[in-house]
PDB file of N, CA and C in Angstrom:
ATOM      1  N   GLY A   1       0.728  -1.048   0.026  1.00  0.00           N
ATOM      2  CA  GLY A   1      -0.049  -0.106  -0.203  1.00  0.00           C
ATOM      3  C   GLY A   1       1.031   1.271  -0.063  1.00  0.00           C
ATOM      4  N   ARG A   2       2.083   1.399   0.676  1.00  0.00           N
ATOM      5  CA  ARG A   2       2.902   2.363   0.743  1.00  0.00           C
ATOM      6  C   ARG A   2       3.149   2.910  -0.609  1.00  0.00           C
ATOM      7  N   GLY A   3       3.610   1.991  -1.443  1.00  0.00           N
ATOM      8  CA  GLY A   3       4.137   2.231  -2.817  1.00  0.00           C
ATOM      9  C   GLY A   3       2.885   2.800  -3.673  1.00  0.00           C
ATOM     10  N   GLU A   4       1.776   2.748  -3.334  1.00  0.00           N
ATOM     11  CA  GLU A   4       0.740   3.332  -4.075  1.00  0.00           C
ATOM     12  C   GLU A   4       0.191   4.628  -3.487  1.00  0.00           C
ATOM     13  N   LEU A   5       0.285   4.785  -2.303  1.00  0.00           N
ATOM     14  CA  LEU A   5      -0.021   5.997  -1.727  1.00  0.00           C
ATOM     15  C   LEU A   5       1.138   7.120  -1.616  1.00  0.00           C
ATOM     16  N   PHE A   6       2.170   6.415  -1.678  1.00  0.00           N
ATOM     17  CA  PHE A   6       3.296   7.670  -1.703  1.00  0.00           C
ATOM     18  C   PHE A   6       4.414   6.819  -2.686  1.00  0.00           C
ATOM     19  N   PRO A   7       4.158   6.849  -3.831  1.00  0.00           N
ATOM     20  CA  PRO A   7       5.243   5.949  -4.718  1.00  0.00           C
ATOM     21  C   PRO A   7       6.612   6.530  -4.580  1.00  0.00           C
ATOM     22  N   TYR A   8       7.138   7.749  -4.433  1.00  0.00           N
ATOM     23  CA  TYR A   8       8.417   8.227  -4.384  1.00  0.00           C
ATOM     24  C   TYR A   8       9.036   8.441  -3.092  1.00  0.00           C
ATOM     25  N   SER A   9       8.047   7.878  -2.054  1.00  0.00           N
ATOM     26  CA  SER A   9       8.608   8.049  -0.670  1.00  0.00           C
ATOM     27  C   SER A   9       9.847   7.064  -0.170  1.00  0.00           C
ATOM     28  N   ASP A  10      10.720   7.585   0.630  1.00  0.00           N
ATOM     29  CA  ASP A  10      11.677   6.581   1.160  1.00  0.00           C
ATOM     30  C   ASP A  10      11.089   6.106   2.421  1.00  0.00           C
ATOM     31  N   ILE A  11      12.015   5.175   3.048  1.00  0.00           N
ATOM     32  CA  ILE A  11      11.687   4.668   4.340  1.00  0.00           C
ATOM     33  C   ILE A  11      12.569   5.359   5.329  1.00  0.00           C
ATOM     34  N   ASP A  12      12.071   6.054   6.347  1.00  0.00           N
ATOM     35  CA  ASP A  12      12.941   6.561   7.329  1.00  0.00           C
ATOM     36  C   ASP A  12      13.330   5.702   8.512  1.00  0.00           C
ATOM     37  N   LEU A  13      14.401   5.545   8.792  1.00  0.00           N
ATOM     38  CA  LEU A  13      14.895   4.416   9.944  1.00  0.00           C
ATOM     39  C   LEU A  13      16.045   5.013  10.606  1.00  0.00           C
ATOM     40  N   MET A  14      15.737   5.079  11.811  1.00  0.00           N
ATOM     41  CA  MET A  14      16.514   5.604  13.061  1.00  0.00           C
ATOM     42  C   MET A  14      17.113   4.401  13.836  1.00  0.00           C
ATOM     43  N   LEU A  15      18.275   4.321  13.884  1.00  0.00           N
ATOM     44  CA  LEU A  15      18.954   3.322  14.931  1.00  0.00           C
ATOM     45  C   LEU A  15      19.257   3.872  16.009  1.00  0.00           C
ATOM     46  N   LEU A  16      18.668   3.618  17.073  1.00  0.00           N
ATOM     47  CA  LEU A  16      18.725   4.436  18.343  1.00  0.00           C
ATOM     48  C   LEU A  16      19.719   3.437  19.254  1.00  0.00           C
ATOM     49  N   TYR A  17      20.926   3.868  19.751  1.00  0.00           N
ATOM     50  CA  TYR A  17      21.680   3.083  20.329  1.00  0.00           C
ATOM     51  C   TYR A  17      22.245   3.736  21.550  1.00  0.00           C
ATOM     52  N   SER A  18      22.974   3.047  22.484  1.00  0.00           N
ATOM     53  CA  SER A  18      23.469   3.558  23.757  1.00  0.00           C
ATOM     54  C   SER A  18      24.852   3.960  23.523  1.00  0.00           C
ATOM     55  N   ASP A  19      25.240   4.864  24.368  1.00  0.00           N
ATOM     56  CA  ASP A  19      26.680   5.468  24.357  1.00  0.00           C
ATOM     57  C   ASP A  19      28.163   4.401  24.297  1.00  0.00           C
ATOM     58  N   ASN A  20      27.617   3.154  24.492  1.00  0.00           N
ATOM     59  CA  ASN A  20      28.929   2.088  24.533  1.00  0.00           C
ATOM     60  C   ASN A  20      28.712   1.212  23.466  1.00  0.00           C
ATOM     61  N   THR A  21      27.768   1.441  22.680  1.00  0.00           N
ATOM     62  CA  THR A  21      27.631   0.496  21.567  1.00  0.00           C
ATOM     63  C   THR A  21      28.855   0.854  20.550  1.00  0.00           C
ATOM     64  N   PRO A  22      29.542  -0.306  20.304  1.00  0.00           N
ATOM     65  CA  PRO A  22      30.658  -0.391  19.391  1.00  0.00           C
ATOM     66  C   PRO A  22      30.272   0.331  18.001  1.00  0.00           C
ATOM     67  N   ALA A  23      31.004   1.223  17.473  1.00  0.00           N
ATOM     68  CA  ALA A  23      31.061   1.926  16.086  1.00  0.00           C
ATOM     69  C   ALA A  23      30.730   0.620  14.981  1.00  0.00           C
ATOM     70  N   THR A  24      31.427  -0.392  14.991  1.00  0.00           N
ATOM     71  CA  THR A  24      31.520  -1.520  14.040  1.00  0.00           C
ATOM     72  C   THR A  24      30.087  -1.872  14.070  1.00  0.00           C
ATOM     73  N   VAL A  25      29.222  -2.225  15.053  1.00  0.00           N
ATOM     74  CA  VAL A  25      27.934  -2.646  15.106  1.00  0.00           C
ATOM     75  C   VAL A  25      26.878  -1.565  14.394  1.00  0.00           C
ATOM     76  N   ILE A  26      27.242  -0.353  14.701  1.00  0.00           N
ATOM     77  CA  ILE A  26      26.347   0.638  13.771  1.00  0.00           C
ATOM     78  C   ILE A  26      26.675   0.653  12.311  1.00  0.00           C
ATOM     79  N   ASN A  27      28.009   0.695  12.220  1.00  0.00           N
ATOM     80  CA  ASN A  27      28.562   0.393  10.570  1.00  0.00           C
ATOM     81  C   ASN A  27      27.750  -0.595  10.086  1.00  0.00           C
ATOM     82  N   SER A  28      27.938  -1.951  10.552  1.00  0.00           N
ATOM     83  CA  SER A  28      27.497  -3.194  10.007  1.00  0.00           C
ATOM     84  C   SER A  28      26.049  -2.965   9.770  1.00  0.00           C
ATOM     85  N   PHE A  29      25.114  -2.398  10.724  1.00  0.00           N
ATOM     86  CA  PHE A  29      23.821  -2.274  10.618  1.00  0.00           C
ATOM     87  C   PHE A  29      23.374  -1.399   9.495  1.00  0.00           C
ATOM     88  N   GLU A  30      24.329  -0.115   9.382  1.00  0.00           N
ATOM     89  CA  GLU A  30      23.794   0.969   8.124  1.00  0.00           C
ATOM     90  C   GLU A  30      24.223   0.050   6.759  1.00  0.00           C
ATOM     91  N   ARG A  31      25.369  -0.680   6.996  1.00  0.00           N
ATOM     92  CA  ARG A  31      25.656  -1.309   5.221  1.00  0.00           C
ATOM     93  C   ARG A  31      24.642  -2.147   5.083  1.00  0.00           C
ATOM     94  N   ALA A  32      24.008  -3.242   6.222  1.00  0.00           N
ATOM     95  CA  ALA A  32      22.895  -4.095   5.750  1.00  0.00           C
ATOM     96  C   ALA A  32      21.726  -3.369   5.595  1.00  0.00           C
ATOM     97  N   ALA A  33      21.532  -2.309   5.973  1.00  0.00           N
ATOM     98  CA  ALA A  33      20.178  -1.431   5.589  1.00  0.00           C
ATOM     99  C   ALA A  33      20.215  -0.972   4.198  1.00  0.00           C
ATOM    100  N   TRP A  34      21.565  -0.469   3.745  1.00  0.00           N
ATOM    101  CA  TRP A  34      21.824  -0.095   2.396  1.00  0.00           C
ATOM    102  C   TRP A  34      21.605  -1.210   1.311  1.00  0.00           C
ATOM    103  N   ASP A  35      22.363  -2.209   1.713  1.00  0.00           N
ATOM    104  CA  ASP A  35      22.260  -3.488   0.861  1.00  0.00           C
ATOM    105  C   ASP A  35      20.840  -4.090   0.847  1.00  0.00           C
ATOM    106  N   THR A  36      19.849  -3.572   1.216  1.00  0.00           N
ATOM    107  CA  THR A  36      18.498  -4.249   0.820  1.00  0.00           C
ATOM    108  C   THR A  36      17.978  -3.824  -0.465  1.00  0.00           C
ATOM    109  N   GLY A  37      18.656  -2.440  -0.913  1.00  0.00           N
ATOM    110  CA  GLY A  37      18.243  -2.002  -2.235  1.00  0.00           C
ATOM    111  C   GLY A  37      16.902  -1.057  -1.914  1.00  0.00           C
ATOM    112  N   LEU A  38      16.555  -0.844  -0.840  1.00  0.00           N
ATOM    113  CA  LEU A  38      15.419  -0.012  -0.694  1.00  0.00           C
ATOM    114  C   LEU A  38      16.263   1.768  -0.475  1.00  0.00           C
ATOM    115  N   GLN A  39      15.382   2.492  -0.712  1.00  0.00           N
ATOM    116  CA  GLN A  39      15.715   3.952  -0.663  1.00  0.00           C
ATOM    117  C   GLN A  39      15.449   4.328   0.904  1.00  0.00           C
ATOM    118  N   LEU A  40      16.422   4.500   1.542  1.00  0.00           N
ATOM    119  CA  LEU A  40      16.313   4.518   2.873  1.00  0.00           C
ATOM    120  C   LEU A  40      16.822   6.259   3.388  1.00  0.00           C
ATOM    121  N   GLY A  41      16.027   6.749   4.316  1.00  0.00           N
ATOM    122  CA  GLY A  41      16.304   7.865   5.081  1.00  0.00           C
ATOM    123  C   GLY A  41      17.037   7.197   6.442  1.00  0.00           C
ATOM    124  N   PHE A  42      18.199   7.156   6.349  1.00  0.00           N
ATOM    125  CA  PHE A  42      18.909   6.442   7.547  1.00  0.00           C
ATOM    126  C   PHE A  42      19.558   7.460   8.578  1.00  0.00           C
ATOM    127  N   THR A  43      19.312   7.327   9.816  1.00  0.00           N
ATOM    128  CA  THR A  43      20.383   7.923  10.693  1.00  0.00           C
ATOM    129  C   THR A  43      20.725   6.958  12.060  1.00  0.00           C
ATOM    130  N   ALA A  44      21.665   7.295  12.579  1.00  0.00           N
ATOM    131  CA  ALA A  44      22.106   6.574  14.050  1.00  0.00           C
ATOM    132  C   ALA A  44      22.103   7.716  15.076  1.00  0.00           C
ATOM    133  N   ARG A  45      21.423   7.520  16.433  1.00  0.00           N
ATOM    134  CA  ARG A  45      21.382   8.507  17.180  1.00  0.00           C
ATOM    135  C   ARG A  45      21.636   7.870  18.671  1.00  0.00           C
ATOM    136  N   THR A  46      22.118   8.665  19.638  1.00  0.00           N
ATOM    137  CA  THR A  46      21.953   8.116  20.966  1.00  0.00           C
ATOM    138  C   THR A  46      20.713   8.897  21.634  1.00  0.00           C
ATOM    139  N   LEU A  47      20.433   8.646  22.878  1.00  0.00           N
ATOM    140  CA  LEU A  47      19.345   9.466  23.563  1.00  0.00           C
ATOM    141  C   LEU A  47      19.803  10.936  23.734  1.00  0.00           C
ATOM    142  N   SER A  48      21.239  11.064  24.174  1.00  0.00           N
ATOM    143  CA  SER A  48      21.609  12.472  24.184  1.00  0.00           C
ATOM    144  C   SER A  48      21.497  13.288  22.839  1.00  0.00           C
ATOM    145  N   GLU A  49      21.738  12.694  21.823  1.00  0.00           N
ATOM    146  CA  GLU A  49      21.802  13.185  20.467  1.00  0.00           C
ATOM    147  C   GLU A  49      20.340  13.616  20.239  1.00  0.00           C
ATOM    148  N   CYS A  50      19.565  12.572  20.538  1.00  0.00           N
ATOM    149  CA  CYS A  50      17.989  13.033  20.380  1.00  0.00           C
ATOM    150  C   CYS A  50      17.471  14.034  21.005  1.00  0.00           C
ATOM    151  N   THR A  51      17.964  14.316  22.398  1.00  0.00           N
ATOM    152  CA  THR A  51      17.640  15.468  23.353  1.00  0.00           C
ATOM    153  C   THR A  51      18.195  16.756  22.739  1.00  0.00           C
ATOM    154  N   ARG A  52      19.194  16.781  22.213  1.00  0.00           N
ATOM    155  CA  ARG A  52      19.932  17.898  21.688  1.00  0.00           C
ATOM    156  C   ARG A  52      19.188  18.378  20.507  1.00  0.00           C
ATOM    157  N   ILE A  53      18.775  17.587  19.435  1.00  0.00           N
ATOM    158  CA  ILE A  53      18.313  18.058  18.145  1.00  0.00           C
ATOM    159  C   ILE A  53      16.741  18.537  18.381  1.00  0.00           C
ATOM    160  N   MET A  54      16.265  18.064  19.799  1.00  0.00           N
ATOM    161  CA  MET A  54      14.601  18.547  19.651  1.00  0.00           C
ATOM    162  C   MET A  54      14.508  19.862  19.629  1.00  0.00           C
ATOM    163  N   GLY A  55      13.642  20.220  18.649  1.00  0.00           N
ATOM    164  CA  GLY A  55      13.273  21.552  18.490  1.00  0.00           C
ATOM    165  C   GLY A  55      14.008  22.386  17.373  1.00  0.00           C
ATOM    166  N   ASP A  56      15.106  21.554  16.939  1.00  0.00           N
ATOM    167  CA  ASP A  56      15.909  22.094  15.655  1.00  0.00           C
ATOM    168  C   ASP A  56      15.040  22.451  14.349  1.00  0.00           C
ATOM    169  N   ASP A  57      14.074  21.478  14.042  1.00  0.00           N
ATOM    170  CA  ASP A  57      13.181  21.733  13.041  1.00  0.00           C
ATOM    171  C   ASP A  57      11.982  20.774  12.972  1.00  0.00           C
ATOM    172  N   CYS A  58      11.001  21.257  12.337  1.00  0.00           N
ATOM    173  CA  CYS A  58       9.528  20.596  12.636  1.00  0.00           C
ATOM    174  C   CYS A  58       9.575  19.152  12.228  1.00  0.00           C
ATOM    175  N   ALA A  59      10.389  18.910  10.872  1.00  0.00           N
ATOM    176  CA  ALA A  59      10.371  17.719  10.169  1.00  0.00           C
ATOM    177  C   ALA A  59      11.021  16.502  11.288  1.00  0.00           C
ATOM    178  N   THR A  60      12.135  17.139  11.856  1.00  0.00           N
ATOM    179  CA  THR A  60      12.630  16.027  12.749  1.00  0.00           C
ATOM    180  C   THR A  60      11.913  15.627  13.986  1.00  0.00           C
ATOM    181  N   ASP A  61      11.235  16.625  14.539  1.00  0.00           N
ATOM    182  CA  ASP A  61      10.331  16.697  15.764  1.00  0.00           C
ATOM    183  C   ASP A  61       9.137  15.566  15.393  1.00  0.00           C
ATOM    184  N   THR A  62       8.544  15.974  14.168  1.00  0.00           N
ATOM    185  CA  THR A  62       7.409  14.966  13.508  1.00  0.00           C
ATOM    186  C   THR A  62       8.107  13.577  13.507  1.00  0.00           C
ATOM    187  N   ALA A  63       9.165  13.306  12.946  1.00  0.00           N
ATOM    188  CA  ALA A  63       9.577  11.832  12.728  1.00  0.00           C
ATOM    189  C   ALA A  63       9.787  11.459  14.232  1.00  0.00           C
ATOM    190  N   LEU A  64      10.339  12.085  15.071  1.00  0.00           N
ATOM    191  CA  LEU A  64      10.460  11.405  16.403  1.00  0.00           C
ATOM    192  C   LEU A  64       9.396  11.154  17.301  1.00  0.00           C
ATOM    193  N   LEU A  65       8.250  12.051  16.938  1.00  0.00           N
ATOM    194  CA  LEU A  65       6.925  11.791  17.377  1.00  0.00           C
ATOM    195  C   LEU A  65       6.072  10.661  16.910  1.00  0.00           C
ATOM    196  N   GLU A  66       6.258  10.365  15.699  1.00  0.00           N
ATOM    197  CA  GLU A  66       5.972   9.185  15.057  1.00  0.00           C
ATOM    198  C   GLU A  66       6.628   7.784  15.207  1.00  0.00           C
ATOM    199  N   ALA A  67       7.747   8.003  15.903  1.00  0.00           N
ATOM    200  CA  ALA A  67       8.861   6.676  15.935  1.00  0.00           C
ATOM    201  C   ALA A  67       7.946   5.478  16.660  1.00  0.00           C
ATOM    202  N   ASP A  68       8.273   4.469  16.049  1.00  0.00           N
ATOM    203  CA  ASP A  68       7.630   3.171  16.292  1.00  0.00           C
ATOM    204  C   ASP A  68       8.981   2.384  16.786  1.00  0.00           C
ATOM    205  N   PHE A  69       8.755   1.327  17.719  1.00  0.00           N
ATOM    206  CA  PHE A  69       9.920   0.346  18.167  1.00  0.00           C
ATOM    207  C   PHE A  69       9.691  -0.658  17.259  1.00  0.00           C
ATOM    208  N   ILE A  70      10.870  -1.263  16.541  1.00  0.00           N
ATOM    209  CA  ILE A  70      10.578  -2.491  15.489  1.00  0.00           C
ATOM    210  C   ILE A  70      11.392  -3.469  16.201  1.00  0.00           C
ATOM    211  N   THR A  71      12.529  -3.278  16.522  1.00  0.00           N
ATOM    212  CA  THR A  71      13.239  -4.558  17.266  1.00  0.00           C
ATOM    213  C   THR A  71      14.582  -4.068  18.017  1.00  0.00           C
ATOM    214  N   GLY A  72      15.060  -5.177  18.904  1.00  0.00           N
ATOM    215  CA  GLY A  72      16.248  -4.624  19.707  1.00  0.00           C
ATOM    216  C   GLY A  72      15.715  -4.342  20.875  1.00  0.00           C
ATOM    217  N   ASN A  73      16.453  -3.374  21.519  1.00  0.00           N
ATOM    218  CA  ASN A  73      16.397  -3.331  23.074  1.00  0.00           C
ATOM    219  C   ASN A  73      15.196  -2.367  23.248  1.00  0.00           C
ATOM    220  N   GLY A  74      14.070  -2.768  23.549  1.00  0.00           N
ATOM    221  CA  GLY A  74      13.275  -2.238  24.066  1.00  0.00           C
ATOM    222  C   GLY A  74      13.230  -1.022  24.855  1.00  0.00           C
ATOM    223  N   THR A  75      14.148  -1.092  25.961  1.00  0.00           N
ATOM    224  CA  THR A  75      14.225  -0.288  27.183  1.00  0.00           C
ATOM    225  C   THR A  75      14.701   0.963  26.456  1.00  0.00           C
ATOM    226  N   ILE A  76      15.710   1.054  25.828  1.00  0.00           N
ATOM    227  CA  ILE A  76      16.247   2.379  25.219  1.00  0.00           C
ATOM    228  C   ILE A  76      15.231   3.142  24.449  1.00  0.00           C
ATOM    229  N   PHE A  77      14.233   2.239  23.657  1.00  0.00           N
ATOM    230  CA  PHE A  77      13.302   3.082  22.989  1.00  0.00           C
ATOM    231  C   PHE A  77      12.284   3.804  24.180  1.00  0.00           C
ATOM    232  N   THR A  78      12.084   2.896  25.247  1.00  0.00           N
ATOM    233  CA  THR A  78      11.233   3.374  26.449  1.00  0.00           C
ATOM    234  C   THR A  78      11.675   4.469  27.043  1.00  0.00           C
ATOM    235  N   GLN A  79      13.040   4.608  26.970  1.00  0.00           N
ATOM    236  CA  GLN A  79      13.851   5.910  27.530  1.00  0.00           C
ATOM    237  C   GLN A  79      13.551   7.046  26.646  1.00  0.00           C
ATOM    238  N   LEU A  80      13.606   6.706  25.282  1.00  0.00           N
ATOM    239  CA  LEU A  80      13.597   7.883  24.368  1.00  0.00           C
ATOM    240  C   LEU A  80      11.912   8.583  24.365  1.00  0.00           C
ATOM    241  N   VAL A  81      10.907   7.769  24.722  1.00  0.00           N
ATOM    242  CA  VAL A  81       9.741   8.207  24.967  1.00  0.00           C
ATOM    243  C   VAL A  81       9.403   8.863  26.109  1.00  0.00           C
ATOM    244  N   ASN A  82       9.984   8.233  27.316  1.00  0.00           N
ATOM    245  CA  ASN A  82       9.551   8.682  28.466  1.00  0.00           C
ATOM    246  C   ASN A  82      10.511   9.859  29.108  1.00  0.00           C
ATOM    247  N   GLU A  83      11.930   9.919  28.633  1.00  0.00           N
ATOM    248  CA  GLU A  83      12.778  11.028  29.056  1.00  0.00           C
ATOM    249  C   GLU A  83      13.160  11.972  27.842  1.00  0.00           C
ATOM    250  N   VAL A  84      12.668  11.862  26.718  1.00  0.00           N
ATOM    251  CA  VAL A  84      12.948  12.637  25.605  1.00  0.00           C
ATOM    252  C   VAL A  84      11.760  13.383  24.980  1.00  0.00           C
ATOM    253  N   LEU A  85      10.961  12.274  24.529  1.00  0.00           N
ATOM    254  CA  LEU A  85       9.735  12.797  23.779  1.00  0.00           C
ATOM    255  C   LEU A  85       8.529  13.369  24.594  1.00  0.00           C
ATOM    256  N   ARG A  86       8.198  12.470  25.644  1.00  0.00           N
ATOM    257  CA  ARG A  86       6.983  13.319  26.332  1.00  0.00           C
ATOM    258  C   ARG A  86       7.471  14.448  27.183  1.00  0.00           C
ATOM    259  N   PRO A  87       8.458  14.672  27.603  1.00  0.00           N
ATOM    260  CA  PRO A  87       8.959  15.995  28.411  1.00  0.00           C
ATOM    261  C   PRO A  87       9.175  16.875  27.386  1.00  0.00           C
ATOM    262  N   TYR A  88       9.628  17.055  26.103  1.00  0.00           N
ATOM    263  CA  TYR A  88       9.765  17.994  25.108  1.00  0.00           C
ATOM    264  C   TYR A  88       8.402  18.303  24.889  1.00  0.00           C
ATOM    265  N   PHE A  89       7.637  17.396  24.188  1.00  0.00           N
ATOM    266  CA  PHE A  89       6.259  17.831  23.621  1.00  0.00           C
ATOM    267  C   PHE A  89       5.192  18.273  24.953  1.00  0.00           C
ATOM    268  N   HIS A  90       5.516  17.892  25.962  1.00  0.00           N
ATOM    269  CA  HIS A  90       4.855  18.513  27.175  1.00  0.00           C
ATOM    270  C   HIS A  90       5.013  20.065  27.324  1.00  0.00           C
ATOM    271  N   ARG A  91       6.380  20.213  27.356  1.00  0.00           N
ATOM    272  CA  ARG A  91       6.742  21.694  27.640  1.00  0.00           C
ATOM    273  C   ARG A  91       6.465  22.254  26.103  1.00  0.00           C
ATOM    274  N   GLN A  92       6.720  21.850  25.184  1.00  0.00           N
ATOM    275  CA  GLN A  92       6.724  22.756  24.036  1.00  0.00           C
ATOM    276  C   GLN A  92       5.440  22.477  22.944  1.00  0.00           C
ATOM    277  N   ARG A  93       4.284  21.937  23.465  1.00  0.00           N
ATOM    278  CA  ARG A  93       3.120  21.422  22.654  1.00  0.00           C
ATOM    279  C   ARG A  93       2.832  22.719  21.921  1.00  0.00           C
ATOM    280  N   ARG A  94       2.504  24.105  22.571  1.00  0.00           N
ATOM    281  CA  ARG A  94       2.190  24.962  21.910  1.00  0.00           C
ATOM    282  C   ARG A  94       2.936  25.489  20.777  1.00  0.00           C
ATOM    283  N   HIS A  95       4.356  25.677  20.737  1.00  0.00           N
ATOM    284  CA  HIS A  95       5.148  25.791  19.940  1.00  0.00           C
ATOM    285  C   HIS A  95       5.119  24.861  18.750  1.00  0.00           C
ATOM    286  N   PHE A  96       5.274  23.600  18.977  1.00  0.00           N
ATOM    287  CA  PHE A  96       5.032  22.587  17.972  1.00  0.00           C
ATOM    288  C   PHE A  96       3.938  22.512  17.278  1.00  0.00           C
ATOM    289  N   LEU A  97       2.743  22.935  17.904  1.00  0.00           N
ATOM    290  CA  LEU A  97       1.396  22.893  16.953  1.00  0.00           C
ATOM    291  C   LEU A  97       1.414  24.029  15.992  1.00  0.00           C
ATOM    292  N   ASP A  98       1.927  25.222  16.740  1.00  0.00           N
ATOM    293  CA  ASP A  98       2.060  26.627  15.879  1.00  0.00           C
ATOM    294  C   ASP A  98       2.967  26.316  14.769  1.00  0.00           C
ATOM    295  N   GLU A  99       3.741  25.434  14.935  1.00  0.00           N
ATOM    296  CA  GLU A  99       5.110  25.492  13.604  1.00  0.00           C
ATOM    297  C   GLU A  99       4.200  24.288  12.857  1.00  0.00           C
ATOM    298  N   MET A 100       3.645  23.250  13.352  1.00  0.00           N
ATOM    299  CA  MET A 100       2.845  22.156  12.336  1.00  0.00           C
ATOM    300  C   MET A 100       1.792  23.325  11.599  1.00  0.00           C
ATOM    301  N   ARG A 101       1.029  24.062  12.071  1.00  0.00           N
ATOM    302  CA  ARG A 101       0.131  25.072  11.638  1.00  0.00           C
ATOM    303  C   ARG A 101       0.746  25.579  10.612  1.00  0.00           C
ATOM    304  N   ALA A 102       1.801  26.430  10.824  1.00  0.00           N
ATOM    305  CA  ALA A 102       2.238  27.012   9.816  1.00  0.00           C
ATOM    306  C   ALA A 102       2.917  26.342   8.608  1.00  0.00           C
ATOM    307  N   THR A 103       3.433  25.193   8.671  1.00  0.00           N
ATOM    308  CA  THR A 103       3.776  24.371   7.884  1.00  0.00           C
ATOM    309  C   THR A 103       2.751  24.016   6.858  1.00  0.00           C
ATOM    310  N   LEU A 104       1.813  23.369   7.360  1.00  0.00           N
ATOM    311  CA  LEU A 104       0.809  22.954   6.669  1.00  0.00           C
ATOM    312  C   LEU A 104      -0.045  23.950   5.953  1.00  0.00           C
ATOM    313  N   SER A 105      -0.128  25.332   6.650  1.00  0.00           N
ATOM    314  CA  SER A 105      -0.692  26.377   5.859  1.00  0.00           C
ATOM    315  C   SER A 105       0.089  26.727   4.609  1.00  0.00           C
ATOM    316  N   SER A 106       1.290  26.818   4.711  1.00  0.00           N
ATOM    317  CA  SER A 106       2.292  27.130   3.630  1.00  0.00           C
ATOM    318  C   SER A 106       2.262  26.201   2.440  1.00  0.00           C
ATOM    319  N   GLY A 107       1.942  24.982   2.997  1.00  0.00           N
ATOM    320  CA  GLY A 107       1.903  24.098   1.749  1.00  0.00           C
ATOM    321  C   GLY A 107       0.757  23.818   1.000  1.00  0.00           C
ATOM    322  N   VAL A 108      -0.478  24.368   1.598  1.00  0.00           N
ATOM    323  CA  VAL A 108      -1.794  24.133   0.862  1.00  0.00           C
ATOM    324  C   VAL A 108      -1.947  25.576   0.333  1.00  0.00           C
ATOM    325  N   GLN A 109      -2.354  25.438  -1.070  1.00  0.00           N
ATOM    326  CA  GLN A 109      -2.637  26.563  -1.803  1.00  0.00           C
ATOM    327  C   GLN A 109      -3.897  26.559  -2.355  1.00  0.00           C
TER     328      GLN A 109
END
């Protein structure tokens, strides 16, 4: 269905990892993801990196808000939701909604 609804869209994938994850693990995962042949939007981030980038741009905030856990360590994803996303959107909900409204208004002609 995705191909019919958004035929030129990519797949956005974030590898959320802990600070002590070896770089070789991250690099291996990235290579394997690209080797699938799918058009990927790929990033790898730690919880502290996610905290730092929150509020930088509406697209990234929205992507993180829509994040789903697929596989791996569910604890770190739960930390992302409870320690980064919920507090940020609770504090910044008005600002985020205003940004979304402006983005949608500028794109609708």
